[in-house]
Amino acid sequence: MNNTAESRLSMRLKLTHKSGEHLYPVKMKNRQTGKIAFRVSENGNKLADCIEVECEQTMLDYVVKKGFSVRARTLPNAKKREGLYGIDKNSIVSYQLT
């Protein structure tokens, strides 16, 4: 797998922020373990609150079916916005699953 910032994005889930920007789940590198995975969280914004998920489909299940939030960001060529976002949270107005 290519390890560029864009290759770590999941293009299967597009979150629309209230600003109109589109965000995509992103795999993050755990500095302690070196593991690269999506980070999902039911509550909390710290690494200790997150579950690291390597499988894209599993991440989608957590976010869409279980209501978890996921680390997401804009595309590299867009205005930078990143953070923990969920489909039922205040800042996300809609989502598209492909």
PDB file of N, CA and C in Angstrom:
ATOM      1  N   MET A   1       0.844  -1.185   0.000  1.00  0.00           N
ATOM      2  CA  MET A   1       0.000   0.000   0.000  1.00  0.00           C
ATOM      3  C   MET A   1       0.882   1.238   0.000  1.00  0.00           C
ATOM      4  N   ASN A   2       0.562   2.164  -0.869  1.00  0.00           N
ATOM      5  CA  ASN A   2       1.272   3.429  -0.899  1.00  0.00           C
ATOM      6  C   ASN A   2       1.002   4.145   0.409  1.00  0.00           C
ATOM      7  N   ASN A   3       1.995   4.818   0.971  1.00  0.00           N
ATOM      8  CA  ASN A   3       1.870   5.390   2.293  1.00  0.00           C
ATOM      9  C   ASN A   3       1.701   6.903   2.273  1.00  0.00           C
ATOM     10  N   THR A   4       1.260   7.479   1.174  1.00  0.00           N
ATOM     11  CA  THR A   4       1.039   8.917   1.119  1.00  0.00           C
ATOM     12  C   THR A   4      -0.226   9.269   1.891  1.00  0.00           C
ATOM     13  N   ALA A   5      -0.369  10.557   2.223  1.00  0.00           N
ATOM     14  CA  ALA A   5      -1.534  11.003   2.984  1.00  0.00           C
ATOM     15  C   ALA A   5      -2.830  10.652   2.273  1.00  0.00           C
ATOM     16  N   GLU A   6      -2.871  10.830   0.947  1.00  0.00           N
ATOM     17  CA  GLU A   6      -4.096  10.551   0.206  1.00  0.00           C
ATOM     18  C   GLU A   6      -4.405   9.061   0.165  1.00  0.00           C
ATOM     19  N   SER A   7      -3.391   8.215   0.137  1.00  0.00           N
ATOM     20  CA  SER A   7      -3.638   6.772   0.076  1.00  0.00           C
ATOM     21  C   SER A   7      -4.184   6.236   1.393  1.00  0.00           C
ATOM     22  N   ARG A   8      -4.061   6.992   2.468  1.00  0.00           N
ATOM     23  CA  ARG A   8      -4.598   6.569   3.758  1.00  0.00           C
ATOM     24  C   ARG A   8      -6.067   6.933   3.925  1.00  0.00           C
ATOM     25  N   LEU A   9      -6.619   7.678   2.982  1.00  0.00           N
ATOM     26  CA  LEU A   9      -8.016   8.097   3.061  1.00  0.00           C
ATOM     27  C   LEU A   9      -8.950   7.004   2.563  1.00  0.00           C
ATOM     28  N   SER A  10     -10.104   6.895   3.195  1.00  0.00           N
ATOM     29  CA  SER A  10     -11.160   6.023   2.695  1.00  0.00           C
ATOM     30  C   SER A  10     -12.090   6.880   1.858  1.00  0.00           C
ATOM     31  N   MET A  11     -12.177   6.584   0.580  1.00  0.00           N
ATOM     32  CA  MET A  11     -13.046   7.338  -0.310  1.00  0.00           C
ATOM     33  C   MET A  11     -14.469   6.757  -0.323  1.00  0.00           C
ATOM     34  N   ARG A  12     -14.706   5.725   0.469  1.00  0.00           N
ATOM     35  CA  ARG A  12     -16.033   5.094   0.510  1.00  0.00           C
ATOM     36  C   ARG A  12     -17.023   5.858   1.377  1.00  0.00           C
ATOM     37  N   LEU A  13     -16.506   6.733   2.253  1.00  0.00           N
ATOM     38  CA  LEU A  13     -17.376   7.518   3.121  1.00  0.00           C
ATOM     39  C   LEU A  13     -16.996   8.985   2.997  1.00  0.00           C
ATOM     40  N   LYS A  14     -17.956   9.793   2.547  1.00  0.00           N
ATOM     41  CA  LYS A  14     -17.726  11.234   2.411  1.00  0.00           C
ATOM     42  C   LYS A  14     -18.638  11.941   3.394  1.00  0.00           C
ATOM     43  N   LEU A  15     -18.040  12.661   4.333  1.00  0.00           N
ATOM     44  CA  LEU A  15     -18.777  13.428   5.321  1.00  0.00           C
ATOM     45  C   LEU A  15     -18.843  14.878   4.859  1.00  0.00           C
ATOM     46  N   THR A  16     -20.006  15.483   4.914  1.00  0.00           N
ATOM     47  CA  THR A  16     -20.143  16.884   4.537  1.00  0.00           C
ATOM     48  C   THR A  16     -20.233  17.722   5.809  1.00  0.00           C
ATOM     49  N   HIS A  17     -19.223  18.574   5.994  1.00  0.00           N
ATOM     50  CA  HIS A  17     -19.141  19.456   7.151  1.00  0.00           C
ATOM     51  C   HIS A  17     -20.105  20.618   6.955  1.00  0.00           C
ATOM     52  N   LYS A  18     -20.547  21.237   8.034  1.00  0.00           N
ATOM     53  CA  LYS A  18     -21.483  22.370   7.929  1.00  0.00           C
ATOM     54  C   LYS A  18     -20.894  23.540   7.138  1.00  0.00           C
ATOM     55  N   SER A  19     -19.563  23.586   6.980  1.00  0.00           N
ATOM     56  CA  SER A  19     -18.900  24.612   6.176  1.00  0.00           C
ATOM     57  C   SER A  19     -19.005  24.313   4.675  1.00  0.00           C
ATOM     58  N   GLY A  20     -19.461  23.092   4.334  1.00  0.00           N
ATOM     59  CA  GLY A  20     -19.534  22.662   2.947  1.00  0.00           C
ATOM     60  C   GLY A  20     -18.333  21.818   2.531  1.00  0.00           C
ATOM     61  N   GLU A  21     -17.323  21.748   3.369  1.00  0.00           N
ATOM     62  CA  GLU A  21     -16.135  20.947   3.050  1.00  0.00           C
ATOM     63  C   GLU A  21     -16.451  19.461   3.197  1.00  0.00           C
ATOM     64  N   HIS A  22     -15.756  18.648   2.398  1.00  0.00           N
ATOM     65  CA  HIS A  22     -15.917  17.202   2.465  1.00  0.00           C
ATOM     66  C   HIS A  22     -14.739  16.597   3.208  1.00  0.00           C
ATOM     67  N   LEU A  23     -15.049  15.691   4.119  1.00  0.00           N
ATOM     68  CA  LEU A  23     -14.048  15.014   4.941  1.00  0.00           C
ATOM     69  C   LEU A  23     -14.123  13.517   4.677  1.00  0.00           C
ATOM     70  N   TYR A  24     -12.977  12.862   4.785  1.00  0.00           N
ATOM     71  CA  TYR A  24     -12.887  11.426   4.527  1.00  0.00           C
ATOM     72  C   TYR A  24     -12.142  10.753   5.689  1.00  0.00           C
ATOM     73  N   PRO A  25     -12.592   9.575   6.127  1.00  0.00           N
ATOM     74  CA  PRO A  25     -11.865   8.856   7.170  1.00  0.00           C
ATOM     75  C   PRO A  25     -10.411   8.634   6.747  1.00  0.00           C
ATOM     76  N   VAL A  26      -9.523   8.728   7.715  1.00  0.00           N
ATOM     77  CA  VAL A  26      -8.097   8.620   7.414  1.00  0.00           C
ATOM     78  C   VAL A  26      -7.425   7.646   8.383  1.00  0.00           C
ATOM     79  N   LYS A  27      -6.528   6.849   7.847  1.00  0.00           N
ATOM     80  CA  LYS A  27      -5.720   5.967   8.688  1.00  0.00           C
ATOM     81  C   LYS A  27      -4.615   6.804   9.328  1.00  0.00           C
ATOM     82  N   MET A  28      -4.414   6.617  10.612  1.00  0.00           N
ATOM     83  CA  MET A  28      -3.413   7.347  11.375  1.00  0.00           C
ATOM     84  C   MET A  28      -2.310   6.382  11.816  1.00  0.00           C
ATOM     85  N   LYS A  29      -1.114   6.898  11.960  1.00  0.00           N
ATOM     86  CA  LYS A  29      -0.005   6.077  12.446  1.00  0.00           C
ATOM     87  C   LYS A  29       0.121   6.254  13.952  1.00  0.00           C
ATOM     88  N   ASN A  30       0.102   5.141  14.665  1.00  0.00           N
ATOM     89  CA  ASN A  30       0.318   5.149  16.103  1.00  0.00           C
ATOM     90  C   ASN A  30       1.825   5.255  16.334  1.00  0.00           C
ATOM     91  N   ARG A  31       2.254   6.326  16.939  1.00  0.00           N
ATOM     92  CA  ARG A  31       3.700   6.562  17.123  1.00  0.00           C
ATOM     93  C   ARG A  31       4.357   5.547  18.047  1.00  0.00           C
ATOM     94  N   GLN A  32       3.584   4.977  18.961  1.00  0.00           N
ATOM     95  CA  GLN A  32       4.151   4.012  19.898  1.00  0.00           C
ATOM     96  C   GLN A  32       4.308   2.632  19.273  1.00  0.00           C
ATOM     97  N   THR A  33       3.351   2.222  18.449  1.00  0.00           N
ATOM     98  CA  THR A  33       3.375   0.866  17.908  1.00  0.00           C
ATOM     99  C   THR A  33       3.747   0.805  16.428  1.00  0.00           C
ATOM    100  N   GLY A  34       3.613   1.935  15.732  1.00  0.00           N
ATOM    101  CA  GLY A  34       3.864   1.952  14.292  1.00  0.00           C
ATOM    102  C   GLY A  34       2.679   1.477  13.465  1.00  0.00           C
ATOM    103  N   LYS A  35       1.616   1.052  14.130  1.00  0.00           N
ATOM    104  CA  LYS A  35       0.425   0.552  13.440  1.00  0.00           C
ATOM    105  C   LYS A  35      -0.284   1.696  12.715  1.00  0.00           C
ATOM    106  N   ILE A  36      -0.715   1.425  11.485  1.00  0.00           N
ATOM    107  CA  ILE A  36      -1.467   2.399  10.699  1.00  0.00           C
ATOM    108  C   ILE A  36      -2.895   1.876  10.579  1.00  0.00           C
ATOM    109  N   ALA A  37      -3.848   2.654  11.133  1.00  0.00           N
ATOM    110  CA  ALA A  37      -5.234   2.179  11.186  1.00  0.00           C
ATOM    111  C   ALA A  37      -6.193   3.357  11.302  1.00  0.00           C
ATOM    112  N   PHE A  38      -7.459   3.082  10.989  1.00  0.00           N
ATOM    113  CA  PHE A  38      -8.507   4.058  11.247  1.00  0.00           C
ATOM    114  C   PHE A  38      -8.717   4.096  12.754  1.00  0.00           C
ATOM    115  N   ARG A  39      -9.037   5.263  13.291  1.00  0.00           N
ATOM    116  CA  ARG A  39      -9.330   5.386  14.714  1.00  0.00           C
ATOM    117  C   ARG A  39     -10.790   5.767  14.880  1.00  0.00           C
ATOM    118  N   VAL A  40     -11.536   4.896  15.539  1.00  0.00           N
ATOM    119  CA  VAL A  40     -12.943   5.151  15.814  1.00  0.00           C
ATOM    120  C   VAL A  40     -13.132   5.296  17.316  1.00  0.00           C
ATOM    121  N   SER A  41     -14.120   6.090  17.692  1.00  0.00           N
ATOM    122  CA  SER A  41     -14.359   6.328  19.111  1.00  0.00           C
ATOM    123  C   SER A  41     -15.843   6.512  19.362  1.00  0.00           C
ATOM    124  N   GLU A  42     -16.315   5.894  20.426  1.00  0.00           N
ATOM    125  CA  GLU A  42     -17.704   6.079  20.826  1.00  0.00           C
ATOM    126  C   GLU A  42     -17.831   7.366  21.639  1.00  0.00           C
ATOM    127  N   ASN A  43     -16.880   7.588  22.499  1.00  0.00           N
ATOM    128  CA  ASN A  43     -16.815   8.796  23.328  1.00  0.00           C
ATOM    129  C   ASN A  43     -15.352   9.114  23.588  1.00  0.00           C
ATOM    130  N   GLY A  44     -15.002  10.364  23.522  1.00  0.00           N
ATOM    131  CA  GLY A  44     -13.638  10.758  23.841  1.00  0.00           C
ATOM    132  C   GLY A  44     -12.816  11.064  22.607  1.00  0.00           C
ATOM    133  N   ASN A  45     -11.812  11.889  22.813  1.00  0.00           N
ATOM    134  CA  ASN A  45     -11.006  12.397  21.705  1.00  0.00           C
ATOM    135  C   ASN A  45      -9.528  12.068  21.860  1.00  0.00           C
ATOM    136  N   LYS A  46      -9.205  11.177  22.771  1.00  0.00           N
ATOM    137  CA  LYS A  46      -7.804  10.816  23.001  1.00  0.00           C
ATOM    138  C   LYS A  46      -7.526   9.420  22.453  1.00  0.00           C
ATOM    139  N   LEU A  47      -6.261   9.139  22.206  1.00  0.00           N
ATOM    140  CA  LEU A  47      -5.878   7.833  21.674  1.00  0.00           C
ATOM    141  C   LEU A  47      -6.395   6.699  22.569  1.00  0.00           C
ATOM    142  N   ALA A  48      -6.358   6.900  23.865  1.00  0.00           N
ATOM    143  CA  ALA A  48      -6.826   5.869  24.797  1.00  0.00           C
ATOM    144  C   ALA A  48      -8.322   5.585  24.644  1.00  0.00           C
ATOM    145  N   ASP A  49      -9.079   6.556  24.115  1.00  0.00           N
ATOM    146  CA  ASP A  49     -10.521   6.401  23.923  1.00  0.00           C
ATOM    147  C   ASP A  49     -10.867   5.720  22.609  1.00  0.00           C
ATOM    148  N   CYS A  50      -9.881   5.535  21.734  1.00  0.00           N
ATOM    149  CA  CYS A  50     -10.113   5.051  20.372  1.00  0.00           C
ATOM    150  C   CYS A  50      -9.876   3.556  20.223  1.00  0.00           C
ATOM    151  N   ILE A  51     -10.521   3.007  19.223  1.00  0.00           N
ATOM    152  CA  ILE A  51     -10.267   1.641  18.785  1.00  0.00           C
ATOM    153  C   ILE A  51      -9.567   1.765  17.435  1.00  0.00           C
ATOM    154  N   GLU A  52      -8.442   1.105  17.273  1.00  0.00           N
ATOM    155  CA  GLU A  52      -7.721   1.125  15.999  1.00  0.00           C
ATOM    156  C   GLU A  52      -8.234  -0.010  15.123  1.00  0.00           C
ATOM    157  N   VAL A  53      -8.688   0.339  13.926  1.00  0.00           N
ATOM    158  CA  VAL A  53      -9.304  -0.623  13.014  1.00  0.00           C
ATOM    159  C   VAL A  53      -8.567  -0.559  11.677  1.00  0.00           C
ATOM    160  N   GLU A  54      -7.993  -1.659  11.239  1.00  0.00           N
ATOM    161  CA  GLU A  54      -7.267  -1.676   9.971  1.00  0.00           C
ATOM    162  C   GLU A  54      -8.196  -1.888   8.777  1.00  0.00           C
ATOM    163  N   CYS A  55      -9.274  -2.609   8.961  1.00  0.00           N
ATOM    164  CA  CYS A  55     -10.194  -2.960   7.882  1.00  0.00           C
ATOM    165  C   CYS A  55     -11.161  -1.814   7.597  1.00  0.00           C
ATOM    166  N   GLU A  56     -11.218  -1.384   6.336  1.00  0.00           N
ATOM    167  CA  GLU A  56     -12.096  -0.289   5.945  1.00  0.00           C
ATOM    168  C   GLU A  56     -13.564  -0.629   6.206  1.00  0.00           C
ATOM    169  N   GLN A  57     -13.997  -1.823   5.875  1.00  0.00           N
ATOM    170  CA  GLN A  57     -15.396  -2.202   6.069  1.00  0.00           C
ATOM    171  C   GLN A  57     -15.762  -2.214   7.548  1.00  0.00           C
ATOM    172  N   THR A  58     -14.864  -2.670   8.397  1.00  0.00           N
ATOM    173  CA  THR A  58     -15.116  -2.660   9.839  1.00  0.00           C
ATOM    174  C   THR A  58     -15.266  -1.234  10.347  1.00  0.00           C
ATOM    175  N   MET A  59     -14.401  -0.327   9.854  1.00  0.00           N
ATOM    176  CA  MET A  59     -14.507   1.083  10.224  1.00  0.00           C
ATOM    177  C   MET A  59     -15.865   1.639   9.814  1.00  0.00           C
ATOM    178  N   LEU A  60     -16.310   1.329   8.592  1.00  0.00           N
ATOM    179  CA  LEU A  60     -17.602   1.801   8.101  1.00  0.00           C
ATOM    180  C   LEU A  60     -18.748   1.283   8.979  1.00  0.00           C
ATOM    181  N   ASP A  61     -18.660   0.036   9.395  1.00  0.00           N
ATOM    182  CA  ASP A  61     -19.682  -0.535  10.275  1.00  0.00           C
ATOM    183  C   ASP A  61     -19.748   0.215  11.605  1.00  0.00           C
ATOM    184  N   TYR A  62     -18.596   0.514  12.189  1.00  0.00           N
ATOM    185  CA  TYR A  62     -18.563   1.269  13.443  1.00  0.00           C
ATOM    186  C   TYR A  62     -19.207   2.640  13.270  1.00  0.00           C
ATOM    187  N   VAL A  63     -18.877   3.331  12.190  1.00  0.00           N
ATOM    188  CA  VAL A  63     -19.333   4.704  11.997  1.00  0.00           C
ATOM    189  C   VAL A  63     -20.801   4.767  11.577  1.00  0.00           C
ATOM    190  N   VAL A  64     -21.182   3.976  10.585  1.00  0.00           N
ATOM    191  CA  VAL A  64     -22.535   4.069  10.028  1.00  0.00           C
ATOM    192  C   VAL A  64     -23.555   3.285  10.854  1.00  0.00           C
ATOM    193  N   LYS A  65     -23.201   2.108  11.302  1.00  0.00           N
ATOM    194  CA  LYS A  65     -24.171   1.262  12.000  1.00  0.00           C
ATOM    195  C   LYS A  65     -24.184   1.457  13.518  1.00  0.00           C
ATOM    196  N   LYS A  66     -23.016   1.781  14.098  1.00  0.00           N
ATOM    197  CA  LYS A  66     -22.926   1.872  15.556  1.00  0.00           C
ATOM    198  C   LYS A  66     -22.838   3.301  16.073  1.00  0.00           C
ATOM    199  N   GLY A  67     -22.715   4.285  15.164  1.00  0.00           N
ATOM    200  CA  GLY A  67     -22.704   5.676  15.591  1.00  0.00           C
ATOM    201  C   GLY A  67     -21.394   6.187  16.146  1.00  0.00           C
ATOM    202  N   PHE A  68     -20.295   5.480  15.891  1.00  0.00           N
ATOM    203  CA  PHE A  68     -18.988   5.927  16.355  1.00  0.00           C
ATOM    204  C   PHE A  68     -18.510   7.099  15.506  1.00  0.00           C
ATOM    205  N   SER A  69     -17.584   7.867  16.040  1.00  0.00           N
ATOM    206  CA  SER A  69     -16.902   8.909  15.286  1.00  0.00           C
ATOM    207  C   SER A  69     -15.601   8.327  14.750  1.00  0.00           C
ATOM    208  N   VAL A  70     -15.047   8.983  13.727  1.00  0.00           N
ATOM    209  CA  VAL A  70     -13.815   8.515  13.107  1.00  0.00           C
ATOM    210  C   VAL A  70     -12.914   9.713  12.814  1.00  0.00           C
ATOM    211  N   ARG A  71     -11.617   9.500  12.884  1.00  0.00           N
ATOM    212  CA  ARG A  71     -10.679  10.549  12.483  1.00  0.00           C
ATOM    213  C   ARG A  71     -10.852  10.764  10.989  1.00  0.00           C
ATOM    214  N   ALA A  72     -11.055  12.014  10.591  1.00  0.00           N
ATOM    215  CA  ALA A  72     -11.285  12.325   9.185  1.00  0.00           C
ATOM    216  C   ALA A  72     -10.617  13.651   8.843  1.00  0.00           C
ATOM    217  N   ARG A  73     -10.360  13.841   7.547  1.00  0.00           N
ATOM    218  CA  ARG A  73      -9.745  15.087   7.077  1.00  0.00           C
ATOM    219  C   ARG A  73     -10.175  15.384   5.651  1.00  0.00           C
ATOM    220  N   THR A  74      -9.898  16.612   5.240  1.00  0.00           N
ATOM    221  CA  THR A  74     -10.167  17.016   3.866  1.00  0.00           C
ATOM    222  C   THR A  74      -9.089  16.425   2.959  1.00  0.00           C
ATOM    223  N   LEU A  75      -9.331  16.478   1.668  1.00  0.00           N
ATOM    224  CA  LEU A  75      -8.322  16.033   0.701  1.00  0.00           C
ATOM    225  C   LEU A  75      -7.090  16.922   0.811  1.00  0.00           C
ATOM    226  N   PRO A  76      -5.915  16.401   0.465  1.00  0.00           N
ATOM    227  CA  PRO A  76      -4.680  17.175   0.610  1.00  0.00           C
ATOM    228  C   PRO A  76      -4.658  18.511  -0.142  1.00  0.00           C
ATOM    229  N   ASN A  77      -5.369  18.618  -1.250  1.00  0.00           N
ATOM    230  CA  ASN A  77      -5.331  19.854  -2.032  1.00  0.00           C
ATOM    231  C   ASN A  77      -6.406  20.859  -1.595  1.00  0.00           C
ATOM    232  N   ALA A  78      -7.188  20.534  -0.573  1.00  0.00           N
ATOM    233  CA  ALA A  78      -8.255  21.414  -0.080  1.00  0.00           C
ATOM    234  C   ALA A  78      -7.788  22.127   1.188  1.00  0.00           C
ATOM    235  N   LYS A  79      -8.586  23.099   1.623  1.00  0.00           N
ATOM    236  CA  LYS A  79      -8.316  23.765   2.891  1.00  0.00           C
ATOM    237  C   LYS A  79      -8.282  22.695   3.984  1.00  0.00           C
ATOM    238  N   LYS A  80      -7.268  22.751   4.829  1.00  0.00           N
ATOM    239  CA  LYS A  80      -7.073  21.686   5.810  1.00  0.00           C
ATOM    240  C   LYS A  80      -8.083  21.770   6.955  1.00  0.00           C
ATOM    241  N   ARG A  81      -8.787  20.674   7.141  1.00  0.00           N
ATOM    242  CA  ARG A  81      -9.676  20.488   8.286  1.00  0.00           C
ATOM    243  C   ARG A  81      -9.532  19.026   8.668  1.00  0.00           C
ATOM    244  N   GLU A  82      -9.300  18.762   9.939  1.00  0.00           N
ATOM    245  CA  GLU A  82      -9.203  17.383  10.391  1.00  0.00           C
ATOM    246  C   GLU A  82      -9.629  17.284  11.843  1.00  0.00           C
ATOM    247  N   GLY A  83     -10.072  16.101  12.210  1.00  0.00           N
ATOM    248  CA  GLY A  83     -10.508  15.879  13.571  1.00  0.00           C
ATOM    249  C   GLY A  83     -11.333  14.620  13.676  1.00  0.00           C
ATOM    250  N   LEU A  84     -12.063  14.517  14.759  1.00  0.00           N
ATOM    251  CA  LEU A  84     -12.904  13.360  15.032  1.00  0.00           C
ATOM    252  C   LEU A  84     -14.341  13.734  14.678  1.00  0.00           C
ATOM    253  N   TYR A  85     -14.936  13.022  13.719  1.00  0.00           N
ATOM    254  CA  TYR A  85     -16.263  13.368  13.219  1.00  0.00           C
ATOM    255  C   TYR A  85     -17.154  12.134  13.151  1.00  0.00           C
ATOM    256  N   GLY A  86     -18.430  12.341  13.450  1.00  0.00           N
ATOM    257  CA  GLY A  86     -19.416  11.280  13.353  1.00  0.00           C
ATOM    258  C   GLY A  86     -20.595  11.731  12.515  1.00  0.00           C
ATOM    259  N   ILE A  87     -21.291  10.785  11.922  1.00  0.00           N
ATOM    260  CA  ILE A  87     -22.389  11.139  11.017  1.00  0.00           C
ATOM    261  C   ILE A  87     -23.576  11.749  11.746  1.00  0.00           C
ATOM    262  N   ASP A  88     -23.674  11.555  13.047  1.00  0.00           N
ATOM    263  CA  ASP A  88     -24.805  12.104  13.807  1.00  0.00           C
ATOM    264  C   ASP A  88     -24.362  13.230  14.750  1.00  0.00           C
ATOM    265  N   LYS A  89     -23.213  13.815  14.488  1.00  0.00           N
ATOM    266  CA  LYS A  89     -22.701  14.902  15.329  1.00  0.00           C
ATOM    267  C   LYS A  89     -23.061  16.249  14.719  1.00  0.00           C
ATOM    268  N   ASN A  90     -22.988  17.305  15.523  1.00  0.00           N
ATOM    269  CA  ASN A  90     -23.439  18.640  15.121  1.00  0.00           C
ATOM    270  C   ASN A  90     -22.776  19.182  13.861  1.00  0.00           C
ATOM    271  N   SER A  91     -21.497  18.998  13.685  1.00  0.00           N
ATOM    272  CA  SER A  91     -20.792  19.640  12.567  1.00  0.00           C
ATOM    273  C   SER A  91     -20.958  18.920  11.230  1.00  0.00           C
ATOM    274  N   ILE A  92     -21.464  17.695  11.227  1.00  0.00           N
ATOM    275  CA  ILE A  92     -21.661  16.940   9.987  1.00  0.00           C
ATOM    276  C   ILE A  92     -23.143  17.019   9.597  1.00  0.00           C
ATOM    277  N   VAL A  93     -23.394  17.568   8.402  1.00  0.00           N
ATOM    278  CA  VAL A  93     -24.779  17.764   7.973  1.00  0.00           C
ATOM    279  C   VAL A  93     -25.305  16.620   7.113  1.00  0.00           C
ATOM    280  N   SER A  94     -24.398  15.879   6.472  1.00  0.00           N
ATOM    281  CA  SER A  94     -24.818  14.719   5.677  1.00  0.00           C
ATOM    282  C   SER A  94     -23.607  13.833   5.412  1.00  0.00           C
ATOM    283  N   TYR A  95     -23.900  12.653   4.889  1.00  0.00           N
ATOM    284  CA  TYR A  95     -22.818  11.744   4.502  1.00  0.00           C
ATOM    285  C   TYR A  95     -23.251  10.946   3.282  1.00  0.00           C
ATOM    286  N   GLN A  96     -22.237  10.443   2.584  1.00  0.00           N
ATOM    287  CA  GLN A  96     -22.489   9.612   1.409  1.00  0.00           C
ATOM    288  C   GLN A  96     -21.617   8.378   1.514  1.00  0.00           C
ATOM    289  N   LEU A  97     -22.216   7.233   1.337  1.00  0.00           N
ATOM    290  CA  LEU A  97     -21.508   5.957   1.414  1.00  0.00           C
ATOM    291  C   LEU A  97     -21.501   5.334   0.025  1.00  0.00           C
ATOM    292  N   THR A  98     -20.320   4.948  -0.449  1.00  0.00           N
ATOM    293  CA  THR A  98     -20.219   4.326  -1.781  1.00  0.00           C
ATOM    294  C   THR A  98     -19.661   2.920  -1.667  1.00  0.00           C
TER     295      THR A  98
END
